[in-house]
Amino acid sequence: MGIRRNGHVLRAAAALLAAGTAALSAAACGIADAGESSIVHKSELTIGVNTDQPGLGASSGGTYSGFDIDVAREVARRLGVGGSHVRFEPVTSKSRESVIEKGKVDLVVASYSITPERKLKVAFAGPYYVAHQDVLVRASDASSVKNVHDLAGKRLCRVTGSVSYTRVHDELGVAALPADAGGYTACLDGLTSGRLDAISTDDLILAGLAAKAVREGHKVQVVNAPFSDEPYGIGLRKDDVDGCEKVNKVLTKMYQDGTLPKLLHKWFDPANLKVTTTVPQFEGCDEA
């Protein structure tokens, strides 16, 4: 009986050792899998972009164009991915966090302002540019709208998922009237048709909208009274610290070699927008 008990003890110990080894192996595999899922190790990239922001991210006939599109392509190229191995996926202000969290995209480059609330869900590389919120109105209304506080009582475009309207109405306490729209091209249509009175969002977006309006024969004007900083980041999965740090190195190099300043001038000089061409102060990549 004593020998049999000892045999049971030995067998139990062996089983525990095997289980522990399996658990450690599984954990190691998990770590390896996590590393391999970083954008650093991918040979193909799906990048979420806007399609309704002329000058930043727009799509026509399956062709994508804009500052964010050029930035996305160049970042991907410097990560070792180019040509047909880069695929664009349309996103909206509302969907950006969810498409990253669900793994539908690897990166989001879509006038994506870095905020504390968004950093709880996704990681941000950059910012690759710091924009400033301003106001766009019809030229005929420019004399009565000199700054954001003049929007009280005005019909102001509100895009689902964007923080721009909230910043005016809630944070600054300006009693603007919400005029809902699905995107900023719809905002511009509402402005030029008279259904709303103003659009307030990042100056890069407004510059693109203004240029589009002029091309279509409409007279609009940027108020040129900025009232916020909007750091544009590249969104990626929250646990992909390696990918975030790699993208930061890429963005730094793009400023140092003149690529990003060149792209800024390419897209925004025609709108007479003064852009900043020095590298912004980056956010940290460590998980919160």
C-alpha atoms as a PDB file:
ATOM      1  CA  MET A   1       0.000   0.000   0.000  1.00  0.00           C
ATOM      2  CA  GLY A   2       2.843   2.415   0.835  1.00  0.00           C
ATOM      3  CA  ILE A   3       4.445   1.799  -2.599  1.00  0.00           C
ATOM      4  CA  ARG A   4       1.126   2.293  -4.346  1.00  0.00           C
ATOM      5  CA  ARG A   5       0.550   5.557  -2.475  1.00  0.00           C
ATOM      6  CA  ASN A   6       4.035   6.724  -3.465  1.00  0.00           C
ATOM      7  CA  GLY A   7       3.260   5.780  -7.061  1.00  0.00           C
ATOM      8  CA  HIS A   8       0.099   7.880  -6.947  1.00  0.00           C
ATOM      9  CA  VAL A   9       2.084  10.777  -5.520  1.00  0.00           C
ATOM     10  CA  LEU A  10       4.696  10.509  -8.264  1.00  0.00           C
ATOM     11  CA  ARG A  11       2.074  10.296 -10.974  1.00  0.00           C
ATOM     12  CA  ALA A  12       0.255  13.330  -9.520  1.00  0.00           C
ATOM     13  CA  ALA A  13       3.486  15.305  -9.364  1.00  0.00           C
ATOM     14  CA  ALA A  14       4.266  14.414 -12.965  1.00  0.00           C
ATOM     15  CA  ALA A  15       0.795  15.491 -14.022  1.00  0.00           C
ATOM     16  CA  LEU A  16       1.164  18.833 -12.239  1.00  0.00           C
ATOM     17  CA  LEU A  17       4.578  19.350 -13.854  1.00  0.00           C
ATOM     18  CA  ALA A  18       3.149  18.582 -17.298  1.00  0.00           C
ATOM     19  CA  ALA A  19       0.244  20.957 -16.740  1.00  0.00           C
ATOM     20  CA  GLY A  20       2.599  23.695 -15.623  1.00  0.00           C
ATOM     21  CA  THR A  21       4.816  23.146 -18.665  1.00  0.00           C
ATOM     22  CA  ALA A  22       1.777  23.295 -20.959  1.00  0.00           C
ATOM     23  CA  ALA A  23       0.584  26.501 -19.307  1.00  0.00           C
ATOM     24  CA  LEU A  24       3.992  28.093 -19.727  1.00  0.00           C
ATOM     25  CA  SER A  25       4.118  26.989 -23.368  1.00  0.00           C
ATOM     26  CA  ALA A  26       0.670  28.420 -23.992  1.00  0.00           C
ATOM     27  CA  ALA A  27       1.675  31.682 -22.366  1.00  0.00           C
ATOM     28  CA  ALA A  28       4.819  31.800 -24.482  1.00  0.00           C
ATOM     29  CA  CYS A  29       2.784  31.155 -27.614  1.00  0.00           C
ATOM     30  CA  GLY A  30       0.409  33.928 -26.597  1.00  0.00           C
ATOM     31  CA  ILE A  31       3.297  36.334 -26.233  1.00  0.00           C
ATOM     32  CA  ALA A  32       4.699  35.277 -29.612  1.00  0.00           C
ATOM     33  CA  ASP A  33       1.293  35.648 -31.234  1.00  0.00           C
ATOM     34  CA  ALA A  34       0.869  39.120 -29.746  1.00  0.00           C
ATOM     35  CA  GLY A  35       4.258  40.150 -31.124  1.00  0.00           C
ATOM     36  CA  GLU A  36       3.546  38.701 -34.549  1.00  0.00           C
ATOM     37  CA  SER A  37       0.232  40.574 -34.751  1.00  0.00           C
ATOM     38  CA  SER A  38       2.025  43.923 -34.470  1.00  0.00           C
ATOM     39  CA  ILE A  39       1.979  46.002 -37.618  1.00  0.00           C
ATOM     40  CA  VAL A  40       5.781  45.764 -37.552  1.00  0.00           C
ATOM     41  CA  HIS A  41       5.556  42.136 -38.684  1.00  0.00           C
ATOM     42  CA  LYS A  42       2.837  42.481 -41.330  1.00  0.00           C
ATOM     43  CA  SER A  43       3.414  42.215 -45.070  1.00  0.00           C
ATOM     44  CA  GLU A  44      -0.012  43.727 -45.837  1.00  0.00           C
ATOM     45  CA  LEU A  45      -1.781  46.628 -44.175  1.00  0.00           C
ATOM     46  CA  THR A  46      -5.395  47.754 -44.083  1.00  0.00           C
ATOM     47  CA  ILE A  47      -5.632  51.450 -43.260  1.00  0.00           C
ATOM     48  CA  GLY A  48      -8.817  53.224 -42.220  1.00  0.00           C
ATOM     49  CA  VAL A  49      -9.274  56.601 -43.947  1.00  0.00           C
ATOM     50  CA  ASN A  50     -11.928  59.247 -44.423  1.00  0.00           C
ATOM     51  CA  THR A  51     -13.649  59.549 -47.784  1.00  0.00           C
ATOM     52  CA  ASP A  52     -15.632  62.779 -47.294  1.00  0.00           C
ATOM     53  CA  GLN A  53     -12.941  65.318 -46.394  1.00  0.00           C
ATOM     54  CA  PRO A  54     -11.512  66.986 -49.524  1.00  0.00           C
ATOM     55  CA  GLY A  55      -7.836  67.778 -49.122  1.00  0.00           C
ATOM     56  CA  LEU A  56      -7.482  65.279 -46.271  1.00  0.00           C
ATOM     57  CA  GLY A  57      -9.214  62.052 -47.204  1.00  0.00           C
ATOM     58  CA  ALA A  58     -11.545  61.740 -50.167  1.00  0.00           C
ATOM     59  CA  SER A  59     -12.582  59.001 -52.575  1.00  0.00           C
ATOM     60  CA  SER A  60     -13.869  59.213 -56.133  1.00  0.00           C
ATOM     61  CA  GLY A  61     -14.318  56.245 -58.424  1.00  0.00           C
ATOM     62  CA  GLY A  62     -12.264  54.045 -56.117  1.00  0.00           C
ATOM     63  CA  THR A  63      -9.333  56.488 -56.100  1.00  0.00           C
ATOM     64  CA  TYR A  64      -8.260  57.924 -52.761  1.00  0.00           C
ATOM     65  CA  SER A  65      -6.612  61.314 -52.402  1.00  0.00           C
ATOM     66  CA  GLY A  66      -5.654  63.876 -49.767  1.00  0.00           C
ATOM     67  CA  PHE A  67      -3.011  64.719 -47.191  1.00  0.00           C
ATOM     68  CA  ASP A  68      -3.970  61.841 -44.876  1.00  0.00           C
ATOM     69  CA  ILE A  69      -3.939  59.417 -47.814  1.00  0.00           C
ATOM     70  CA  ASP A  70      -0.415  60.485 -48.788  1.00  0.00           C
ATOM     71  CA  VAL A  71       0.731  60.234 -45.160  1.00  0.00           C
ATOM     72  CA  ALA A  72      -0.795  56.751 -44.865  1.00  0.00           C
ATOM     73  CA  ARG A  73       0.886  55.515 -48.053  1.00  0.00           C
ATOM     74  CA  GLU A  74       4.279  56.907 -47.037  1.00  0.00           C
ATOM     75  CA  VAL A  75       4.099  55.480 -43.513  1.00  0.00           C
ATOM     76  CA  ALA A  76       3.168  52.069 -44.945  1.00  0.00           C
ATOM     77  CA  ARG A  77       6.022  52.252 -47.473  1.00  0.00           C
ATOM     78  CA  ARG A  78       8.524  53.005 -44.722  1.00  0.00           C
ATOM     79  CA  LEU A  79       7.153  50.066 -42.753  1.00  0.00           C
ATOM     80  CA  GLY A  80       8.040  47.911 -45.758  1.00  0.00           C
ATOM     81  CA  VAL A  81       4.533  47.631 -47.218  1.00  0.00           C
ATOM     82  CA  GLY A  82       3.585  49.229 -50.511  1.00  0.00           C
ATOM     83  CA  GLY A  83       1.598  48.977 -53.730  1.00  0.00           C
ATOM     84  CA  SER A  84      -1.256  46.500 -53.771  1.00  0.00           C
ATOM     85  CA  HIS A  85      -0.312  45.311 -50.281  1.00  0.00           C
ATOM     86  CA  VAL A  86      -1.829  48.504 -48.855  1.00  0.00           C
ATOM     87  CA  ARG A  87      -5.627  48.556 -48.759  1.00  0.00           C
ATOM     88  CA  PHE A  88      -7.793  51.488 -47.711  1.00  0.00           C
ATOM     89  CA  GLU A  89     -10.960  50.985 -45.678  1.00  0.00           C
ATOM     90  CA  PRO A  90     -13.474  53.849 -45.400  1.00  0.00           C
ATOM     91  CA  VAL A  91     -14.145  54.950 -41.816  1.00  0.00           C
ATOM     92  CA  THR A  92     -16.256  57.636 -40.205  1.00  0.00           C
ATOM     93  CA  SER A  93     -15.728  59.769 -37.118  1.00  0.00           C
ATOM     94  CA  LYS A  94     -18.057  57.382 -35.289  1.00  0.00           C
ATOM     95  CA  SER A  95     -16.450  54.107 -36.400  1.00  0.00           C
ATOM     96  CA  ARG A  96     -12.728  54.766 -35.911  1.00  0.00           C
ATOM     97  CA  GLU A  97     -12.291  53.157 -32.487  1.00  0.00           C
ATOM     98  CA  SER A  98     -14.481  50.160 -33.247  1.00  0.00           C
ATOM     99  CA  VAL A  99     -12.728  49.175 -36.487  1.00  0.00           C
ATOM    100  CA  ILE A 100      -9.384  49.172 -34.655  1.00  0.00           C
ATOM    101  CA  GLU A 101     -10.704  47.233 -31.666  1.00  0.00           C
ATOM    102  CA  LYS A 102     -12.399  44.654 -33.913  1.00  0.00           C
ATOM    103  CA  GLY A 103      -9.279  44.174 -36.032  1.00  0.00           C
ATOM    104  CA  LYS A 104     -10.897  45.377 -39.249  1.00  0.00           C
ATOM    105  CA  VAL A 105      -7.999  47.762 -39.861  1.00  0.00           C
ATOM    106  CA  ASP A 106      -4.353  47.869 -38.816  1.00  0.00           C
ATOM    107  CA  LEU A 107      -4.053  51.656 -38.716  1.00  0.00           C
ATOM    108  CA  VAL A 108      -6.364  54.653 -38.891  1.00  0.00           C
ATOM    109  CA  VAL A 109      -5.128  57.838 -40.578  1.00  0.00           C
ATOM    110  CA  ALA A 110      -8.251  59.966 -40.653  1.00  0.00           C
ATOM    111  CA  SER A 111      -7.988  63.448 -39.077  1.00  0.00           C
ATOM    112  CA  TYR A 112      -8.035  61.463 -35.822  1.00  0.00           C
ATOM    113  CA  SER A 113      -7.546  63.891 -32.930  1.00  0.00           C
ATOM    114  CA  ILE A 114      -5.815  62.393 -29.900  1.00  0.00           C
ATOM    115  CA  THR A 115      -8.002  62.748 -26.791  1.00  0.00           C
ATOM    116  CA  PRO A 116      -7.777  61.175 -23.313  1.00  0.00           C
ATOM    117  CA  GLU A 117     -11.090  59.382 -23.891  1.00  0.00           C
ATOM    118  CA  ARG A 118      -9.942  57.827 -27.170  1.00  0.00           C
ATOM    119  CA  LYS A 119      -6.616  56.775 -25.641  1.00  0.00           C
ATOM    120  CA  LEU A 120      -8.549  54.494 -23.288  1.00  0.00           C
ATOM    121  CA  LYS A 121      -9.515  52.372 -26.316  1.00  0.00           C
ATOM    122  CA  VAL A 122      -6.709  52.695 -28.869  1.00  0.00           C
ATOM    123  CA  ALA A 123      -3.036  53.665 -29.086  1.00  0.00           C
ATOM    124  CA  PHE A 124      -1.866  56.716 -30.993  1.00  0.00           C
ATOM    125  CA  ALA A 125       1.401  57.287 -32.806  1.00  0.00           C
ATOM    126  CA  GLY A 126       2.281  60.902 -33.422  1.00  0.00           C
ATOM    127  CA  PRO A 127       0.734  63.400 -33.640  1.00  0.00           C
ATOM    128  CA  TYR A 128       1.867  63.881 -37.229  1.00  0.00           C
ATOM    129  CA  TYR A 129       0.257  67.338 -37.264  1.00  0.00           C
ATOM    130  CA  VAL A 130      -1.439  69.684 -34.804  1.00  0.00           C
ATOM    131  CA  ALA A 131      -4.460  71.335 -36.422  1.00  0.00           C
ATOM    132  CA  HIS A 132      -6.634  74.053 -34.859  1.00  0.00           C
ATOM    133  CA  GLN A 133     -10.407  74.221 -34.721  1.00  0.00           C
ATOM    134  CA  ASP A 134     -11.900  77.178 -36.587  1.00  0.00           C
ATOM    135  CA  VAL A 135     -15.166  78.169 -38.283  1.00  0.00           C
ATOM    136  CA  LEU A 136     -16.347  78.167 -41.903  1.00  0.00           C
ATOM    137  CA  VAL A 137     -19.299  80.333 -42.992  1.00  0.00           C
ATOM    138  CA  ARG A 138     -20.849  81.679 -46.159  1.00  0.00           C
ATOM    139  CA  ALA A 139     -18.953  84.768 -47.325  1.00  0.00           C
ATOM    140  CA  SER A 140     -22.133  86.811 -46.945  1.00  0.00           C
ATOM    141  CA  ASP A 141     -22.195  85.971 -43.199  1.00  0.00           C
ATOM    142  CA  ALA A 142     -18.506  86.593 -42.513  1.00  0.00           C
ATOM    143  CA  SER A 143     -19.078  90.104 -41.170  1.00  0.00           C
ATOM    144  CA  SER A 144     -21.352  88.774 -38.408  1.00  0.00           C
ATOM    145  CA  VAL A 145     -19.219  85.779 -37.388  1.00  0.00           C
ATOM    146  CA  LYS A 146     -15.822  86.949 -36.187  1.00  0.00           C
ATOM    147  CA  ASN A 147     -15.119  84.091 -33.756  1.00  0.00           C
ATOM    148  CA  VAL A 148     -16.631  80.970 -32.232  1.00  0.00           C
ATOM    149  CA  HIS A 149     -18.753  82.920 -29.735  1.00  0.00           C
ATOM    150  CA  ASP A 150     -20.682  84.489 -32.605  1.00  0.00           C
ATOM    151  CA  LEU A 151     -22.149  81.055 -33.349  1.00  0.00           C
ATOM    152  CA  ALA A 152     -24.726  81.435 -30.562  1.00  0.00           C
ATOM    153  CA  GLY A 153     -28.156  80.887 -32.086  1.00  0.00           C
ATOM    154  CA  LYS A 154     -26.625  79.745 -35.401  1.00  0.00           C
ATOM    155  CA  ARG A 155     -27.287  76.358 -36.993  1.00  0.00           C
ATOM    156  CA  LEU A 156     -23.961  74.581 -36.555  1.00  0.00           C
ATOM    157  CA  CYS A 157     -23.147  71.294 -38.252  1.00  0.00           C
ATOM    158  CA  ARG A 158     -22.817  68.315 -35.883  1.00  0.00           C
ATOM    159  CA  VAL A 159     -21.122  65.173 -37.215  1.00  0.00           C
ATOM    160  CA  THR A 160     -21.721  61.945 -35.298  1.00  0.00           C
ATOM    161  CA  GLY A 161     -18.558  60.762 -33.550  1.00  0.00           C
ATOM    162  CA  SER A 162     -16.716  64.062 -33.935  1.00  0.00           C
ATOM    163  CA  VAL A 163     -15.811  66.145 -30.885  1.00  0.00           C
ATOM    164  CA  SER A 164     -15.988  69.448 -32.804  1.00  0.00           C
ATOM    165  CA  TYR A 165     -19.599  70.373 -32.004  1.00  0.00           C
ATOM    166  CA  THR A 166     -19.188  69.233 -28.392  1.00  0.00           C
ATOM    167  CA  ARG A 167     -16.171  71.483 -27.995  1.00  0.00           C
ATOM    168  CA  VAL A 168     -18.170  74.531 -29.133  1.00  0.00           C
ATOM    169  CA  HIS A 169     -21.459  73.804 -27.396  1.00  0.00           C
ATOM    170  CA  ASP A 170     -20.448  71.957 -24.229  1.00  0.00           C
ATOM    171  CA  GLU A 171     -16.890  73.000 -23.475  1.00  0.00           C
ATOM    172  CA  LEU A 172     -17.099  76.639 -24.542  1.00  0.00           C
ATOM    173  CA  GLY A 173     -20.777  77.041 -23.658  1.00  0.00           C
ATOM    174  CA  VAL A 174     -21.749  78.561 -27.012  1.00  0.00           C
ATOM    175  CA  ALA A 175     -25.493  78.047 -27.553  1.00  0.00           C
ATOM    176  CA  ALA A 176     -25.242  76.926 -31.178  1.00  0.00           C
ATOM    177  CA  LEU A 177     -28.130  74.935 -32.648  1.00  0.00           C
ATOM    178  CA  PRO A 178     -27.217  71.400 -33.792  1.00  0.00           C
ATOM    179  CA  ALA A 179     -27.666  70.572 -37.472  1.00  0.00           C
ATOM    180  CA  ASP A 180     -26.855  66.868 -37.791  1.00  0.00           C
ATOM    181  CA  ALA A 181     -24.926  65.408 -40.730  1.00  0.00           C
ATOM    182  CA  GLY A 182     -23.223  62.123 -41.501  1.00  0.00           C
ATOM    183  CA  GLY A 183     -19.950  63.710 -42.603  1.00  0.00           C
ATOM    184  CA  TYR A 184     -18.273  66.964 -43.511  1.00  0.00           C
ATOM    185  CA  THR A 185     -19.157  66.887 -47.206  1.00  0.00           C
ATOM    186  CA  ALA A 186     -22.784  66.797 -46.086  1.00  0.00           C
ATOM    187  CA  CYS A 187     -21.998  69.741 -43.798  1.00  0.00           C
ATOM    188  CA  LEU A 188     -20.689  71.702 -46.778  1.00  0.00           C
ATOM    189  CA  ASP A 189     -23.785  70.876 -48.813  1.00  0.00           C
ATOM    190  CA  GLY A 190     -25.904  72.173 -45.948  1.00  0.00           C
ATOM    191  CA  LEU A 191     -23.867  75.358 -45.681  1.00  0.00           C
ATOM    192  CA  THR A 192     -23.942  76.241 -49.374  1.00  0.00           C
ATOM    193  CA  SER A 193     -27.642  75.410 -49.685  1.00  0.00           C
ATOM    194  CA  GLY A 194     -28.603  77.501 -46.639  1.00  0.00           C
ATOM    195  CA  ARG A 195     -29.794  74.605 -44.452  1.00  0.00           C
ATOM    196  CA  LEU A 196     -27.194  75.471 -41.827  1.00  0.00           C
ATOM    197  CA  ASP A 197     -25.118  78.519 -40.951  1.00  0.00           C
ATOM    198  CA  ALA A 198     -21.639  77.327 -40.039  1.00  0.00           C
ATOM    199  CA  ILE A 199     -19.176  74.450 -39.837  1.00  0.00           C
ATOM    200  CA  SER A 200     -16.668  74.325 -37.016  1.00  0.00           C
ATOM    201  CA  THR A 201     -13.905  71.749 -37.083  1.00  0.00           C
ATOM    202  CA  ASP A 202     -10.179  71.440 -37.730  1.00  0.00           C
ATOM    203  CA  ASP A 203      -8.668  74.059 -40.022  1.00  0.00           C
ATOM    204  CA  LEU A 204      -7.215  71.416 -42.365  1.00  0.00           C
ATOM    205  CA  ILE A 205     -10.700  70.022 -42.939  1.00  0.00           C
ATOM    206  CA  LEU A 206     -12.152  73.503 -43.386  1.00  0.00           C
ATOM    207  CA  ALA A 207      -9.438  74.413 -45.914  1.00  0.00           C
ATOM    208  CA  GLY A 208     -10.332  71.383 -48.027  1.00  0.00           C
ATOM    209  CA  LEU A 209     -14.052  72.118 -47.795  1.00  0.00           C
ATOM    210  CA  ALA A 210     -13.501  75.762 -48.734  1.00  0.00           C
ATOM    211  CA  ALA A 211     -11.461  74.788 -51.793  1.00  0.00           C
ATOM    212  CA  LYS A 212     -14.203  72.375 -52.881  1.00  0.00           C
ATOM    213  CA  ALA A 213     -16.871  75.046 -52.432  1.00  0.00           C
ATOM    214  CA  VAL A 214     -14.919  77.544 -54.536  1.00  0.00           C
ATOM    215  CA  ARG A 215     -14.461  74.978 -57.305  1.00  0.00           C
ATOM    216  CA  GLU A 216     -18.231  74.485 -57.314  1.00  0.00           C
ATOM    217  CA  GLY A 217     -18.911  78.215 -57.552  1.00  0.00           C
ATOM    218  CA  HIS A 218     -19.830  78.946 -53.923  1.00  0.00           C
ATOM    219  CA  LYS A 219     -18.458  81.770 -51.784  1.00  0.00           C
ATOM    220  CA  VAL A 220     -17.395  80.667 -48.321  1.00  0.00           C
ATOM    221  CA  GLN A 221     -14.831  81.935 -45.847  1.00  0.00           C
ATOM    222  CA  VAL A 222     -12.760  80.553 -42.983  1.00  0.00           C
ATOM    223  CA  VAL A 223     -13.167  82.928 -40.032  1.00  0.00           C
ATOM    224  CA  ASN A 224      -9.479  82.477 -39.122  1.00  0.00           C
ATOM    225  CA  ALA A 225     -10.034  82.645 -35.363  1.00  0.00           C
ATOM    226  CA  PRO A 226      -8.634  79.293 -34.101  1.00  0.00           C
ATOM    227  CA  PHE A 227      -9.524  78.249 -30.564  1.00  0.00           C
ATOM    228  CA  SER A 228      -8.092  74.773 -29.933  1.00  0.00           C
ATOM    229  CA  ASP A 229      -5.226  72.396 -30.642  1.00  0.00           C
ATOM    230  CA  GLU A 230      -6.152  69.194 -32.473  1.00  0.00           C
ATOM    231  CA  PRO A 231      -3.232  66.722 -32.474  1.00  0.00           C
ATOM    232  CA  TYR A 232      -3.743  64.297 -35.365  1.00  0.00           C
ATOM    233  CA  GLY A 233      -2.581  60.809 -34.422  1.00  0.00           C
ATOM    234  CA  ILE A 234      -2.315  57.500 -36.222  1.00  0.00           C
ATOM    235  CA  GLY A 235      -4.570  55.062 -34.406  1.00  0.00           C
ATOM    236  CA  LEU A 236      -3.640  51.434 -33.874  1.00  0.00           C
ATOM    237  CA  ARG A 237      -4.427  48.568 -31.530  1.00  0.00           C
ATOM    238  CA  LYS A 238      -3.944  49.581 -27.903  1.00  0.00           C
ATOM    239  CA  ASP A 239      -1.458  46.824 -27.061  1.00  0.00           C
ATOM    240  CA  ASP A 240       0.726  47.342 -30.140  1.00  0.00           C
ATOM    241  CA  VAL A 241       3.444  49.362 -28.412  1.00  0.00           C
ATOM    242  CA  ASP A 242       6.125  48.123 -30.833  1.00  0.00           C
ATOM    243  CA  GLY A 243       4.051  49.282 -33.803  1.00  0.00           C
ATOM    244  CA  CYS A 244       3.354  52.646 -32.217  1.00  0.00           C
ATOM    245  CA  GLU A 245       7.031  53.269 -31.513  1.00  0.00           C
ATOM    246  CA  LYS A 246       7.989  52.226 -35.042  1.00  0.00           C
ATOM    247  CA  VAL A 247       5.463  54.609 -36.578  1.00  0.00           C
ATOM    248  CA  ASN A 248       6.790  57.432 -34.381  1.00  0.00           C
ATOM    249  CA  LYS A 249      10.275  56.812 -35.747  1.00  0.00           C
ATOM    250  CA  VAL A 250       8.878  56.888 -39.284  1.00  0.00           C
ATOM    251  CA  LEU A 251       7.024  60.163 -38.678  1.00  0.00           C
ATOM    252  CA  THR A 252      10.117  61.775 -37.156  1.00  0.00           C
ATOM    253  CA  LYS A 253      12.138  60.816 -40.228  1.00  0.00           C
ATOM    254  CA  MET A 254       9.391  62.163 -42.520  1.00  0.00           C
ATOM    255  CA  TYR A 255       9.748  65.564 -40.874  1.00  0.00           C
ATOM    256  CA  GLN A 256      13.529  65.447 -40.843  1.00  0.00           C
ATOM    257  CA  ASP A 257      13.852  64.629 -44.544  1.00  0.00           C
ATOM    258  CA  GLY A 258      11.208  67.162 -45.575  1.00  0.00           C
ATOM    259  CA  THR A 259       8.529  64.701 -46.689  1.00  0.00           C
ATOM    260  CA  LEU A 260       5.790  65.829 -44.296  1.00  0.00           C
ATOM    261  CA  PRO A 261       6.394  69.575 -44.817  1.00  0.00           C
ATOM    262  CA  LYS A 262       6.242  68.967 -48.575  1.00  0.00           C
ATOM    263  CA  LEU A 263       2.891  67.173 -48.256  1.00  0.00           C
ATOM    264  CA  LEU A 264       1.473  69.952 -46.063  1.00  0.00           C
ATOM    265  CA  HIS A 265       2.426  72.607 -48.624  1.00  0.00           C
ATOM    266  CA  LYS A 266       1.108  70.456 -51.475  1.00  0.00           C
ATOM    267  CA  TRP A 267      -2.376  70.152 -50.023  1.00  0.00           C
ATOM    268  CA  PHE A 268      -2.910  73.390 -48.082  1.00  0.00           C
ATOM    269  CA  ASP A 269      -0.963  76.171 -49.784  1.00  0.00           C
ATOM    270  CA  PRO A 270      -3.717  76.457 -52.458  1.00  0.00           C
ATOM    271  CA  ALA A 271      -6.184  77.286 -49.649  1.00  0.00           C
ATOM    272  CA  ASN A 272      -3.810  79.960 -48.250  1.00  0.00           C
ATOM    273  CA  LEU A 273      -3.613  78.079 -44.960  1.00  0.00           C
ATOM    274  CA  LYS A 274      -0.459  78.707 -42.971  1.00  0.00           C
ATOM    275  CA  VAL A 275       0.838  75.325 -41.830  1.00  0.00           C
ATOM    276  CA  THR A 276       3.416  74.421 -39.204  1.00  0.00           C
ATOM    277  CA  THR A 277       6.264  72.329 -40.580  1.00  0.00           C
ATOM    278  CA  THR A 278       8.216  71.487 -37.418  1.00  0.00           C
ATOM    279  CA  VAL A 279       7.843  68.053 -35.839  1.00  0.00           C
ATOM    280  CA  PRO A 280       5.166  68.058 -33.103  1.00  0.00           C
ATOM    281  CA  GLN A 281       5.745  66.818 -29.558  1.00  0.00           C
ATOM    282  CA  PHE A 282       4.810  63.132 -29.663  1.00  0.00           C
ATOM    283  CA  GLU A 283       2.510  61.360 -27.223  1.00  0.00           C
ATOM    284  CA  GLY A 284       3.845  58.326 -25.373  1.00  0.00           C
ATOM    285  CA  CYS A 285       3.248  54.800 -26.701  1.00  0.00           C
ATOM    286  CA  ASP A 286       3.138  52.972 -23.354  1.00  0.00           C
ATOM    287  CA  GLU A 287      -0.164  51.330 -22.504  1.00  0.00           C
ATOM    288  CA  ALA A 288      -2.183  53.272 -19.947  1.00  0.00           C
END
